[in-house]
Amino acid sequence: MFIPGPHFRQNRDSRAQLFPELSVTGITEVEHDHFYCVVGNLSLATKNFGLGTYGVYSVNLQKYNSISNTGAVVNSVAELPKASLLNGMTTLDVEKGFVIMADSTEGAIWLLNVKTGTYSILLQEPEMAPPARSGPLALGIGGVRLLRSGDNATIYFSNQGAGIFYCFSLSLSTLKMTGPIEAVK
């Protein structure tokens, strides 16, 4: 993970952390200079989605010094061995410590509590699944973002295999959908 900043030109080797896994497939900032990253052994060269290798790390850069390349605090938060291809991440609720991640091959959104490390599938809907006709490298939901308004969040995602952009409303207090999934026009 590279950290561009005012000293990036002088120190092009500014690495906050090289994770043992091959790929960072999602990142979200939960507070100023404190990030969570989804990592896994995804390899496009070998067409390996990294099943069973995904995990989430906390990357705290609040005391990071870009000149000396020191002060980054990196910790493992959770391993998600049942996740297939985590592809996108965003913060759902800062106070509760909830982040969500898209799983492109399972056609699901995972919920992770970064404070406790507990996780589960939040939603798994047909609009999130890879299309049946898309072959062995089938991808469904990819990327996930949201707009929050009070107790509700409008969650946006794309279905890469279907080429459709969707959204739905979610209650933040119940973590239940409050309306149907709709294609965004």
Protein backbone atom coordinates (compact mmCIF):
# COMPACT_ATOMS: atom_id res chain seq x y z
CA MET A 1 0.00 0.00 0.00
CA PHE A 2 1.60 3.24 -1.13
CA ILE A 3 0.94 6.56 0.56
CA PRO A 4 1.35 9.57 -1.72
CA GLY A 5 1.96 12.80 0.11
CA PRO A 6 4.15 15.90 0.08
CA HIS A 7 7.34 13.79 0.25
CA PHE A 8 6.25 11.12 -2.24
CA ARG A 9 8.63 12.35 -4.97
CA GLN A 10 11.66 12.12 -2.68
CA ASN A 11 10.70 8.76 -1.15
CA ARG A 12 8.93 6.72 -3.82
CA ASP A 13 9.23 3.65 -1.59
CA SER A 14 6.76 4.98 1.01
CA ARG A 15 4.95 1.81 1.96
CA ALA A 16 2.57 1.78 4.88
CA GLN A 17 2.48 -2.03 4.82
CA LEU A 18 2.94 -4.87 2.41
CA PHE A 19 0.28 -7.39 3.32
CA PRO A 20 1.15 -11.07 3.09
CA GLU A 21 -1.74 -11.47 0.64
CA LEU A 22 -1.34 -10.56 -3.03
CA SER A 23 -4.17 -8.07 -3.56
CA VAL A 24 -6.00 -5.23 -1.85
CA THR A 25 -9.54 -5.39 -3.24
CA GLY A 26 -11.26 -2.77 -1.10
CA ILE A 27 -10.49 0.12 1.23
CA THR A 28 -12.56 2.46 3.39
CA GLU A 29 -11.66 5.30 5.74
CA VAL A 30 -13.56 5.12 9.04
CA GLU A 31 -11.98 8.17 10.59
CA HIS A 32 -9.27 10.61 9.54
CA ASP A 33 -6.19 8.57 8.49
CA HIS A 34 -7.64 5.28 9.78
CA PHE A 35 -8.50 2.78 7.06
CA TYR A 36 -9.71 -0.78 6.72
CA CYS A 37 -8.53 -2.88 3.78
CA VAL A 38 -9.85 -6.10 2.27
CA VAL A 39 -6.98 -8.31 1.15
CA GLY A 40 -6.79 -11.72 -0.48
CA ASN A 41 -4.78 -13.91 -2.83
CA LEU A 42 -6.59 -12.86 -5.98
CA SER A 43 -4.55 -13.49 -9.11
CA LEU A 44 -5.83 -12.52 -12.54
CA ALA A 45 -2.79 -14.14 -14.14
CA THR A 46 -3.77 -17.59 -12.84
CA LYS A 47 -7.52 -16.85 -12.84
CA ASN A 48 -7.60 -17.66 -9.13
CA PHE A 49 -10.19 -15.70 -7.15
CA GLY A 50 -8.48 -16.51 -3.83
CA LEU A 51 -11.32 -18.48 -2.23
CA GLY A 52 -10.70 -18.76 1.50
CA THR A 53 -7.84 -16.24 1.59
CA TYR A 54 -9.70 -12.99 2.32
CA GLY A 55 -9.27 -10.93 5.43
CA VAL A 56 -9.57 -7.36 6.68
CA TYR A 57 -6.77 -5.27 8.13
CA SER A 58 -6.86 -2.03 10.10
CA VAL A 59 -4.34 0.53 8.80
CA ASN A 60 -3.95 3.42 11.21
CA LEU A 61 -1.90 6.24 9.69
CA GLN A 62 -2.66 8.87 12.31
CA LYS A 63 1.00 8.83 13.47
CA TYR A 64 2.54 7.95 10.10
CA ASN A 65 5.64 9.91 9.11
CA SER A 66 6.13 9.95 5.33
CA ILE A 67 9.75 11.11 5.60
CA SER A 68 10.93 8.24 7.80
CA ASN A 69 8.24 5.82 6.58
CA THR A 70 7.38 4.94 10.20
CA GLY A 71 4.36 5.09 12.49
CA ALA A 72 1.83 3.06 10.51
CA VAL A 73 -0.04 0.63 12.76
CA VAL A 74 -1.41 -2.40 10.92
CA ASN A 75 -3.50 -5.13 12.56
CA SER A 76 -5.52 -8.05 11.33
CA VAL A 77 -9.22 -7.54 12.15
CA ALA A 78 -10.84 -10.69 10.73
CA GLU A 79 -10.30 -13.60 8.40
CA LEU A 80 -13.28 -14.36 6.15
CA PRO A 81 -12.64 -17.93 4.91
CA LYS A 82 -16.13 -18.31 3.43
CA ALA A 83 -15.80 -15.22 1.23
CA SER A 84 -15.22 -15.99 -2.44
CA LEU A 85 -14.12 -12.76 -4.15
CA LEU A 86 -14.38 -9.63 -2.02
CA ASN A 87 -14.46 -6.73 -4.42
CA GLY A 88 -15.22 -3.35 -2.87
CA MET A 89 -15.76 -2.03 0.63
CA THR A 90 -17.35 0.95 2.34
CA THR A 91 -18.16 2.16 5.86
CA LEU A 92 -21.78 1.53 6.85
CA ASP A 93 -21.81 2.90 10.42
CA VAL A 94 -18.77 4.51 12.08
CA GLU A 95 -20.21 4.45 15.62
CA LYS A 96 -21.10 0.75 15.48
CA GLY A 97 -17.92 -0.14 13.59
CA PHE A 98 -19.78 -1.64 10.62
CA VAL A 99 -18.23 -1.95 7.17
CA ILE A 100 -19.70 -3.78 4.19
CA MET A 101 -17.97 -5.67 1.38
CA ALA A 102 -19.21 -6.93 -1.97
CA ASP A 103 -18.62 -10.60 -2.85
CA SER A 104 -18.59 -10.86 -6.65
CA THR A 105 -18.90 -14.64 -6.98
CA GLU A 106 -21.25 -15.30 -4.05
CA GLY A 107 -23.52 -12.44 -5.11
CA ALA A 108 -23.66 -11.09 -1.57
CA ILE A 109 -22.84 -8.18 0.71
CA TRP A 110 -20.88 -9.11 3.84
CA LEU A 111 -21.20 -7.10 7.07
CA LEU A 112 -18.16 -6.86 9.37
CA ASN A 113 -17.99 -5.31 12.81
CA VAL A 114 -14.42 -3.99 12.89
CA LYS A 115 -14.59 -3.56 16.67
CA THR A 116 -15.32 -7.24 17.37
CA GLY A 117 -14.22 -9.02 14.17
CA THR A 118 -17.63 -10.69 13.79
CA TYR A 119 -19.07 -10.96 10.29
CA SER A 120 -22.02 -12.38 8.39
CA ILE A 121 -23.78 -12.06 5.07
CA LEU A 122 -25.95 -8.96 5.27
CA LEU A 123 -27.78 -9.52 1.96
CA GLN A 124 -27.74 -12.02 -0.86
CA GLU A 125 -30.18 -11.13 -3.62
CA PRO A 126 -30.64 -12.26 -7.25
CA GLU A 127 -29.59 -8.82 -8.56
CA MET A 128 -26.20 -9.34 -6.89
CA ALA A 129 -25.51 -12.79 -8.36
CA PRO A 130 -23.35 -13.46 -11.41
CA PRO A 131 -25.49 -14.01 -14.52
CA ALA A 132 -25.84 -17.74 -15.31
CA ARG A 133 -24.65 -17.22 -18.88
CA SER A 134 -21.37 -15.50 -17.94
CA GLY A 135 -19.13 -18.60 -17.84
CA PRO A 136 -16.40 -19.77 -15.46
CA LEU A 137 -15.17 -16.25 -14.64
CA ALA A 138 -18.66 -15.07 -13.74
CA LEU A 139 -18.85 -11.91 -11.66
CA GLY A 140 -21.85 -10.35 -9.99
CA ILE A 141 -21.82 -7.50 -7.48
CA GLY A 142 -18.71 -5.37 -7.68
CA GLY A 143 -18.05 -2.29 -5.64
CA VAL A 144 -20.39 -0.92 -3.03
CA ARG A 145 -21.02 2.67 -1.95
CA LEU A 146 -23.69 4.41 0.08
CA LEU A 147 -25.35 7.70 0.89
CA ARG A 148 -26.53 8.03 4.47
CA SER A 149 -29.52 10.07 5.62
CA GLY A 150 -30.49 9.73 9.27
CA ASP A 151 -31.34 6.09 10.02
CA ASN A 152 -31.39 5.11 6.35
CA ALA A 153 -28.67 4.41 3.83
CA THR A 154 -29.08 4.13 0.08
CA ILE A 155 -26.61 1.47 -1.01
CA TYR A 156 -25.35 1.46 -4.59
CA PHE A 157 -23.64 -1.43 -6.37
CA SER A 158 -22.95 -2.67 -9.86
CA ASN A 159 -23.46 -6.13 -11.24
CA GLN A 160 -20.40 -6.50 -13.43
CA GLY A 161 -21.63 -9.55 -15.35
CA ALA A 162 -25.02 -8.03 -16.09
CA GLY A 163 -23.72 -4.51 -16.72
CA ILE A 164 -26.39 -2.94 -14.47
CA PHE A 165 -26.05 -0.36 -11.68
CA TYR A 166 -28.46 -0.89 -8.74
CA CYS A 167 -29.51 0.70 -5.46
CA PHE A 168 -31.66 -0.12 -2.44
CA SER A 169 -32.53 1.44 0.91
CA LEU A 170 -31.39 -0.05 4.21
CA SER A 171 -32.41 0.78 7.77
CA LEU A 172 -29.27 1.30 9.84
CA SER A 173 -31.05 0.39 13.08
CA THR A 174 -32.51 -2.93 11.84
CA LEU A 175 -30.05 -3.69 9.00
CA LYS A 176 -33.05 -4.66 6.85
CA MET A 177 -33.99 -3.47 3.39
CA THR A 178 -36.72 -0.83 3.42
CA GLY A 179 -37.52 -1.05 -0.27
CA PRO A 180 -36.82 -3.09 -3.39
CA ILE A 181 -33.57 -3.25 -5.29
CA GLU A 182 -33.92 -0.98 -8.31
CA ALA A 183 -31.86 -0.42 -11.43
CA VAL A 184 -30.42 3.11 -11.53
CA LYS A 185 -31.28 4.88 -14.78
